[in-house]
Amino acid sequence: MTGQPGLLIEQLEAAHGRSPVLTGLDLTVEDGALACVLGPSGCGKSTLLRIVAGFHPAARGRVTLRGRLLDDGRTRVPAERRRIGYVPQDGALFPHLTVAANIGFGLPRDGRRERVGEMLGLVGLDGLADRHPHQLSGGQQQRVALARALAPRPQLLLLDEPFAALDAALRTELRTEVAATLRRAGATAILVTHDVDEALAFADAIAVMRDGRIVQADTPHALYHRPADASVARALGEANLLPAKQADGYAVTAFGPLPLTSDTGQDGVVMLRPHQLRMTCEPGPHSVPARVTACLFRGHDHRVEFAPDPGRDLPERLVAYTDAPPPAVGSEVHLRTQGPAHPLPAAGRSAEAETVAS
């Protein structure tokens, strides 16, 4: 994540008791960007947000917002003076206050009514100003929490897995609405999540977090197609990892020579996403025989697993996505590839395709 920095985090370290949580974390979020920190539970995502918000102290490193120092392990600006909004998973609304009173809580009296009305319109809750939280749906409650966080015009908004408690359909609808609302407001925001679909749908830029550090940060498209290593590849979805030797700008694999997204000149592993594998009934140049071992209908496509010919230097399992009706489990097919393979460090070699842990 580069450009004009809104938030700049440098070599951030933090611990819970004697246990290190953040270990030299670096992150830059552009002003006006919708960013996402993606990683499994326990990697330090929420601790990172709490340090930025001012709820947890940094041990070392620097956190600056629009050039203003917030925390360097010695100097620490109080949370209420940071101009940062925070939306937790449960929304944390005041149950005894109306929607309007929740949104207006803490705002100066002068102009409060107008600002509350503006926020109600922004999040699509016109007409619900006098209701209490228990009279709202889960999605409406989260929209109120968003409006309350945006009402003081923060320089940065932090979203700590705010859609996690919602059902799947509402989660998809609300994250789309929230992203659109934040873009209309011109807000700079950071969402933390372990859900790759949520990250891809929400963010302009994604930072993949592992073991208290950011391992790669880039656009969703770049991370998906050009991950830095196998763990980032899996964090963005399923990946087929194939042993390969590089020669003359190509990866020599069991599928034959494959073009590369970049020529590293090093032997190791290359990645093919599931949509890059195609099934055919007849053998062809550089096709690989395989047996269908599983098939899952997902509404928009089928996810198909294969056991390739054991005589080939391939993982025990390959995965493909197809819009066409798939062959029956147990069928013998031939697989071919489509598009360039992406080289990964040799340490990323894996015995099978994997999906990001949730």
Protein backbone atom coordinates (compact mmCIF):
# COMPACT_ATOMS: atom_id res chain seq x y z
CA MET A 1 0.00 0.00 0.00
CA THR A 2 1.80 3.08 -1.24
CA GLY A 3 1.00 6.66 -2.19
CA GLN A 4 0.15 9.65 0.01
CA PRO A 5 0.08 8.04 3.47
CA GLY A 6 -2.88 8.62 5.71
CA LEU A 7 -1.71 6.04 8.24
CA LEU A 8 1.94 5.05 8.58
CA ILE A 9 3.03 2.22 10.88
CA GLU A 10 6.74 1.48 11.25
CA GLN A 11 8.36 -1.48 13.02
CA LEU A 12 5.45 -1.84 15.44
CA GLU A 13 5.89 -4.24 18.34
CA ALA A 14 3.38 -5.22 21.01
CA ALA A 15 2.80 -7.98 23.52
CA HIS A 16 0.16 -9.42 25.80
CA GLY A 17 2.06 -10.04 29.02
CA ARG A 18 5.21 -11.92 28.04
CA SER A 19 3.77 -13.14 24.74
CA PRO A 20 4.76 -11.11 21.65
CA VAL A 21 1.82 -10.31 19.36
CA LEU A 22 3.22 -7.82 16.83
CA THR A 23 6.83 -8.26 15.72
CA GLY A 24 8.19 -5.42 13.61
CA LEU A 25 5.00 -4.70 11.66
CA ASP A 26 5.08 -2.14 8.82
CA LEU A 27 1.98 -0.82 7.06
CA THR A 28 1.04 2.22 4.98
CA VAL A 29 -2.58 3.10 4.16
CA GLU A 30 -3.23 5.83 1.62
CA ASP A 31 -5.49 8.74 2.49
CA GLY A 32 -8.99 7.96 1.21
CA ALA A 33 -8.33 4.23 0.71
CA LEU A 34 -10.42 1.31 1.90
CA ALA A 35 -7.81 -1.11 3.19
CA CYS A 36 -8.12 -4.58 4.66
CA VAL A 37 -5.86 -6.54 6.99
CA LEU A 38 -6.44 -10.22 6.21
CA GLY A 39 -5.22 -13.05 8.40
CA PRO A 40 -6.23 -16.03 10.53
CA SER A 41 -7.49 -15.76 14.09
CA GLY A 42 -4.68 -15.09 16.55
CA CYS A 43 -2.29 -13.40 14.10
CA GLY A 44 -2.62 -9.99 15.82
CA LYS A 45 -5.18 -8.18 13.64
CA SER A 46 -7.38 -6.89 16.45
CA THR A 47 -4.36 -5.92 18.56
CA LEU A 48 -3.11 -3.85 15.62
CA LEU A 49 -6.43 -2.00 15.43
CA ARG A 50 -6.53 -1.43 19.17
CA ILE A 51 -3.06 0.13 19.11
CA VAL A 52 -4.01 2.43 16.24
CA ALA A 53 -7.24 3.37 18.05
CA GLY A 54 -5.34 4.08 21.28
CA PHE A 55 -6.84 1.26 23.36
CA HIS A 56 -3.59 -0.72 23.69
CA PRO A 57 -0.02 0.61 24.03
CA ALA A 58 2.73 -0.05 21.53
CA ALA A 59 5.95 -1.46 22.96
CA ARG A 60 8.11 -0.11 20.13
CA GLY A 61 7.76 1.41 16.69
CA ARG A 62 5.82 4.40 15.40
CA VAL A 63 2.19 5.06 14.46
CA THR A 64 1.47 8.33 12.63
CA LEU A 65 -1.76 9.62 11.09
CA ARG A 66 -1.45 12.34 8.44
CA GLY A 67 2.01 13.10 9.78
CA ARG A 68 0.90 13.38 13.42
CA LEU A 69 2.59 11.01 15.88
CA LEU A 70 0.09 8.87 17.78
CA ASP A 71 2.32 6.32 19.51
CA ASP A 72 6.03 5.48 19.54
CA GLY A 73 6.19 3.39 22.70
CA ARG A 74 6.96 6.48 24.81
CA THR A 75 4.67 9.28 23.62
CA ARG A 76 1.06 8.20 23.32
CA VAL A 77 -1.89 10.37 22.24
CA PRO A 78 -5.09 9.47 24.18
CA ALA A 79 -7.75 7.65 22.17
CA GLU A 80 -10.26 10.50 22.42
CA ARG A 81 -7.80 12.92 20.78
CA ARG A 82 -6.80 10.75 17.82
CA ARG A 83 -9.76 11.55 15.50
CA ILE A 84 -10.22 7.85 14.81
CA GLY A 85 -13.57 6.05 14.60
CA TYR A 86 -13.92 2.45 15.74
CA VAL A 87 -16.65 -0.08 14.88
CA PRO A 88 -16.40 -3.34 16.87
CA GLN A 89 -17.99 -6.64 15.89
CA ASP A 90 -21.05 -6.14 18.12
CA GLY A 91 -21.58 -2.47 17.23
CA ALA A 92 -21.57 -1.49 20.95
CA LEU A 93 -24.69 0.69 20.74
CA PHE A 94 -26.21 2.20 23.86
CA PRO A 95 -29.41 0.15 24.37
CA HIS A 96 -31.25 2.91 26.27
CA LEU A 97 -30.66 5.56 23.60
CA THR A 98 -32.53 6.06 20.34
CA VAL A 99 -30.86 5.69 16.96
CA ALA A 100 -30.52 9.46 16.70
CA ALA A 101 -29.09 9.74 20.22
CA ASN A 102 -26.59 6.96 19.53
CA ILE A 103 -25.38 8.67 16.36
CA GLY A 104 -25.23 12.08 18.03
CA PHE A 105 -23.53 10.88 21.21
CA GLY A 106 -20.48 13.03 21.89
CA LEU A 107 -21.15 15.52 19.09
CA PRO A 108 -21.17 19.26 19.91
CA ARG A 109 -24.68 20.56 20.53
CA ASP A 110 -24.30 23.14 17.77
CA GLY A 111 -25.12 21.39 14.49
CA ARG A 112 -25.82 18.01 16.10
CA ARG A 113 -29.34 17.61 14.71
CA GLU A 114 -28.18 18.41 11.16
CA ARG A 115 -25.22 16.03 11.36
CA VAL A 116 -27.39 13.20 12.71
CA GLY A 117 -29.85 13.72 9.86
CA GLU A 118 -27.00 13.68 7.36
CA MET A 119 -25.67 10.41 8.80
CA LEU A 120 -29.11 8.77 8.80
CA GLY A 121 -29.40 9.57 5.11
CA LEU A 122 -25.88 8.35 4.38
CA VAL A 123 -26.53 4.89 5.85
CA GLY A 124 -30.12 4.61 4.59
CA LEU A 125 -31.92 4.78 7.93
CA ASP A 126 -34.17 7.78 7.36
CA GLY A 127 -37.34 7.37 9.41
CA LEU A 128 -35.73 5.21 12.12
CA ALA A 129 -34.29 8.03 14.25
CA ASP A 130 -36.62 7.40 17.22
CA ARG A 131 -36.20 3.64 17.41
CA HIS A 132 -34.06 1.85 19.99
CA PRO A 133 -31.42 -0.77 19.10
CA HIS A 134 -33.60 -3.72 20.14
CA GLN A 135 -36.16 -2.62 17.54
CA LEU A 136 -33.62 -2.93 14.71
CA SER A 137 -32.30 -5.86 12.70
CA GLY A 138 -28.66 -6.86 13.01
CA GLY A 139 -27.83 -5.13 9.75
CA GLN A 140 -29.58 -1.93 10.82
CA GLN A 141 -27.70 -1.94 14.13
CA GLN A 142 -24.38 -2.15 12.29
CA ARG A 143 -25.41 0.74 10.04
CA VAL A 144 -26.15 2.81 13.15
CA ALA A 145 -22.71 1.90 14.54
CA LEU A 146 -21.13 2.98 11.26
CA ALA A 147 -23.06 6.27 11.27
CA ARG A 148 -22.00 6.96 14.86
CA ALA A 149 -18.35 6.32 14.00
CA LEU A 150 -18.50 8.61 10.94
CA ALA A 151 -20.47 11.42 12.60
CA PRO A 152 -17.46 13.19 14.24
CA ARG A 153 -15.68 13.25 10.83
CA PRO A 154 -12.76 11.00 11.83
CA GLN A 155 -9.52 11.02 9.86
CA LEU A 156 -9.51 7.21 9.99
CA LEU A 157 -12.19 4.55 10.54
CA LEU A 158 -11.35 1.12 11.99
CA LEU A 159 -13.69 -1.83 11.40
CA ASP A 160 -13.01 -4.87 13.59
CA GLU A 161 -14.80 -7.76 11.82
CA PRO A 162 -18.13 -5.88 11.98
CA PHE A 163 -19.99 -8.37 9.75
CA ALA A 164 -18.87 -11.60 11.44
CA ALA A 165 -22.04 -12.12 13.52
CA LEU A 166 -24.42 -11.68 10.57
CA ASP A 167 -25.84 -14.45 8.39
CA ALA A 168 -24.18 -15.02 5.00
CA ALA A 169 -26.73 -13.20 2.82
CA LEU A 170 -26.89 -10.14 5.08
CA ARG A 171 -23.11 -10.12 5.47
CA THR A 172 -22.65 -9.89 1.70
CA GLU A 173 -25.30 -7.18 1.34
CA LEU A 174 -24.04 -5.08 4.24
CA ARG A 175 -20.34 -5.14 3.35
CA THR A 176 -21.25 -3.90 -0.13
CA GLU A 177 -23.38 -1.13 1.36
CA VAL A 178 -20.70 -0.15 3.89
CA ALA A 179 -17.98 0.04 1.23
CA ALA A 180 -20.21 2.23 -0.94
CA THR A 181 -21.07 4.45 2.05
CA LEU A 182 -17.42 4.92 2.97
CA ARG A 183 -16.51 5.81 -0.61
CA ARG A 184 -19.32 8.39 -0.74
CA ALA A 185 -18.02 9.86 2.51
CA GLY A 186 -14.44 9.93 1.21
CA ALA A 187 -13.34 8.03 4.32
CA THR A 188 -10.04 6.31 5.00
CA ALA A 189 -10.83 2.94 6.56
CA ILE A 190 -9.22 -0.31 7.66
CA LEU A 191 -11.24 -3.52 7.90
CA VAL A 192 -9.77 -6.56 9.65
CA THR A 193 -11.13 -9.96 8.71
CA HIS A 194 -10.22 -13.62 8.25
CA ASP A 195 -12.72 -13.91 5.36
CA VAL A 196 -10.99 -13.68 1.97
CA ASP A 197 -14.26 -13.06 0.08
CA GLU A 198 -14.96 -10.13 2.39
CA ALA A 199 -11.49 -8.71 1.85
CA LEU A 200 -11.68 -9.00 -1.94
CA ALA A 201 -15.15 -7.44 -2.08
CA PHE A 202 -14.41 -4.55 0.28
CA ALA A 203 -10.88 -3.30 -0.16
CA ASP A 204 -8.83 -1.21 -2.57
CA ALA A 205 -5.73 -2.73 -0.98
CA ILE A 206 -5.15 -5.79 1.20
CA ALA A 207 -2.36 -6.48 3.70
CA VAL A 208 -1.88 -10.17 4.45
CA MET A 209 -0.89 -10.71 8.08
CA ARG A 210 0.87 -13.72 9.57
CA ASP A 211 2.44 -14.21 13.01
CA GLY A 212 2.36 -10.54 13.95
CA ARG A 213 3.76 -9.18 10.68
CA ILE A 214 2.51 -7.98 7.30
CA VAL A 215 3.94 -10.43 4.77
CA GLN A 216 2.60 -8.72 1.63
CA ALA A 217 0.42 -5.70 0.86
CA ASP A 218 -0.95 -4.82 -2.57
CA THR A 219 -4.14 -4.55 -4.60
CA PRO A 220 -6.52 -7.53 -4.44
CA HIS A 221 -5.76 -8.37 -8.10
CA ALA A 222 -1.99 -8.32 -7.56
CA LEU A 223 -2.16 -10.43 -4.40
CA TYR A 224 -4.42 -13.01 -6.04
CA HIS A 225 -2.35 -13.37 -9.20
CA ARG A 226 1.16 -12.56 -7.90
CA PRO A 227 1.47 -13.67 -4.25
CA ALA A 228 4.89 -13.42 -2.62
CA ASP A 229 4.84 -16.97 -1.25
CA ALA A 230 2.66 -20.03 -0.77
CA SER A 231 1.06 -18.75 2.43
CA VAL A 232 -0.10 -15.56 0.70
CA ALA A 233 -1.33 -17.61 -2.26
CA ARG A 234 -3.48 -19.71 0.06
CA ALA A 235 -4.66 -16.69 2.04
CA LEU A 236 -6.27 -15.33 -1.14
CA GLY A 237 -7.98 -18.64 -2.05
CA GLU A 238 -7.24 -22.12 -3.30
CA ALA A 239 -4.02 -22.65 -5.21
CA ASN A 240 -2.49 -25.56 -7.10
CA LEU A 241 1.25 -25.58 -6.35
CA LEU A 242 3.35 -27.49 -8.89
CA PRO A 243 7.04 -28.44 -8.80
CA ALA A 244 8.84 -26.66 -11.63
CA LYS A 245 12.19 -25.91 -13.20
CA GLN A 246 12.70 -22.60 -14.98
CA ALA A 247 14.27 -22.40 -18.41
CA ASP A 248 14.24 -19.57 -20.97
CA GLY A 249 11.39 -17.73 -19.24
CA TYR A 250 9.18 -20.81 -18.91
CA ALA A 251 8.32 -23.16 -16.07
CA VAL A 252 8.93 -26.78 -17.02
CA THR A 253 6.22 -28.82 -15.26
CA ALA A 254 4.30 -32.06 -15.65
CA PHE A 255 1.97 -30.01 -17.88
CA GLY A 256 4.89 -29.10 -20.12
CA PRO A 257 6.41 -25.62 -20.45
CA LEU A 258 4.20 -22.90 -18.97
CA PRO A 259 4.63 -19.14 -19.46
CA LEU A 260 5.46 -17.25 -16.27
CA THR A 261 4.12 -14.04 -14.75
CA SER A 262 7.75 -13.19 -13.96
CA ASP A 263 11.07 -14.88 -14.65
CA THR A 264 12.97 -15.45 -11.42
CA GLY A 265 15.44 -17.88 -12.97
CA GLN A 266 15.09 -20.16 -9.96
CA ASP A 267 13.68 -23.67 -9.77
CA GLY A 268 11.00 -24.31 -7.18
CA VAL A 269 7.22 -24.09 -7.28
CA VAL A 270 4.70 -22.39 -9.54
CA MET A 271 1.07 -21.54 -8.76
CA LEU A 272 -2.00 -22.11 -10.90
CA ARG A 273 -5.38 -20.94 -9.63
CA PRO A 274 -8.27 -23.43 -9.97
CA HIS A 275 -9.84 -21.48 -12.84
CA GLN A 276 -6.62 -22.08 -14.82
CA LEU A 277 -7.22 -25.85 -15.07
CA ARG A 278 -9.45 -27.13 -17.87
CA MET A 279 -10.96 -30.61 -18.30
CA THR A 280 -11.07 -32.46 -21.63
CA CYS A 281 -12.19 -35.94 -22.60
CA GLU A 282 -9.36 -36.52 -25.06
CA PRO A 283 -5.62 -36.32 -24.45
CA GLY A 284 -3.75 -33.43 -26.00
CA PRO A 285 -0.32 -31.84 -26.04
CA HIS A 286 0.88 -31.40 -22.46
CA SER A 287 -2.39 -32.65 -20.93
CA VAL A 288 -2.31 -34.77 -17.77
CA PRO A 289 -4.60 -37.75 -17.11
CA ALA A 290 -6.53 -37.53 -13.84
CA ARG A 291 -9.46 -39.09 -12.02
CA VAL A 292 -12.35 -37.03 -10.61
CA THR A 293 -12.46 -37.64 -6.84
CA ALA A 294 -15.00 -35.03 -5.65
CA CYS A 295 -17.39 -32.43 -7.01
CA LEU A 296 -19.22 -29.63 -5.22
CA PHE A 297 -21.98 -27.54 -6.82
CA ARG A 298 -21.68 -23.95 -5.53
CA GLY A 299 -24.50 -22.27 -7.43
CA HIS A 300 -22.33 -20.14 -9.71
CA ASP A 301 -19.91 -22.97 -10.59
CA HIS A 302 -18.64 -26.42 -9.65
CA ARG A 303 -15.53 -27.12 -7.59
CA VAL A 304 -13.91 -30.34 -8.83
CA GLU A 305 -11.07 -32.29 -7.22
CA PHE A 306 -8.78 -34.62 -9.15
CA ALA A 307 -6.17 -37.26 -8.42
CA PRO A 308 -3.60 -36.89 -11.22
CA ASP A 309 -1.64 -39.77 -12.71
CA PRO A 310 0.65 -40.90 -9.85
CA GLY A 311 3.55 -41.22 -12.28
CA ARG A 312 3.68 -37.44 -12.75
CA ASP A 313 5.56 -34.97 -10.57
CA LEU A 314 2.36 -33.37 -9.28
CA PRO A 315 0.51 -32.92 -5.98
CA GLU A 316 -1.76 -35.75 -4.88
CA ARG A 317 -4.75 -33.44 -5.38
CA LEU A 318 -5.58 -30.75 -7.94
CA VAL A 319 -8.59 -28.43 -7.88
CA ALA A 320 -10.45 -26.80 -10.76
CA TYR A 321 -13.51 -24.55 -11.03
CA THR A 322 -15.86 -24.97 -13.98
CA ASP A 323 -19.13 -23.45 -15.18
CA ALA A 324 -19.88 -26.51 -17.33
CA PRO A 325 -21.60 -29.64 -15.99
CA PRO A 326 -18.73 -31.68 -14.50
CA PRO A 327 -18.01 -35.36 -15.14
CA ALA A 328 -19.13 -37.88 -12.55
CA VAL A 329 -16.93 -38.78 -9.61
CA GLY A 330 -14.65 -41.61 -10.70
CA SER A 331 -14.47 -40.43 -14.31
CA GLU A 332 -11.13 -40.34 -16.10
CA VAL A 333 -10.37 -36.99 -17.72
CA HIS A 334 -7.42 -35.02 -19.04
CA LEU A 335 -6.33 -31.71 -17.55
CA ARG A 336 -4.66 -28.86 -19.35
CA THR A 337 -3.65 -25.40 -18.21
CA GLN A 338 -4.63 -21.91 -19.27
CA GLY A 339 -2.68 -18.69 -18.75
CA PRO A 340 0.67 -18.05 -17.07
CA ALA A 341 1.91 -19.73 -13.91
CA HIS A 342 3.26 -17.64 -11.05
CA PRO A 343 6.63 -18.61 -9.53
CA LEU A 344 6.93 -18.98 -5.76
CA PRO A 345 9.95 -19.55 -3.51
CA ALA A 346 11.02 -23.18 -3.28
CA ALA A 347 10.12 -23.23 0.43
CA GLY A 348 6.48 -22.85 -0.62
CA ARG A 349 6.31 -26.37 -2.07
CA SER A 350 3.18 -28.15 -0.87
CA ALA A 351 1.79 -31.64 -1.28
CA GLU A 352 -1.66 -30.43 -2.26
CA ALA A 353 -3.83 -27.49 -3.10
CA GLU A 354 -5.12 -25.74 0.00
CA THR A 355 -7.69 -23.17 1.04
CA VAL A 356 -7.15 -20.27 3.44
CA ALA A 357 -7.95 -21.28 7.01
CA SER A 358 -11.03 -19.66 8.51
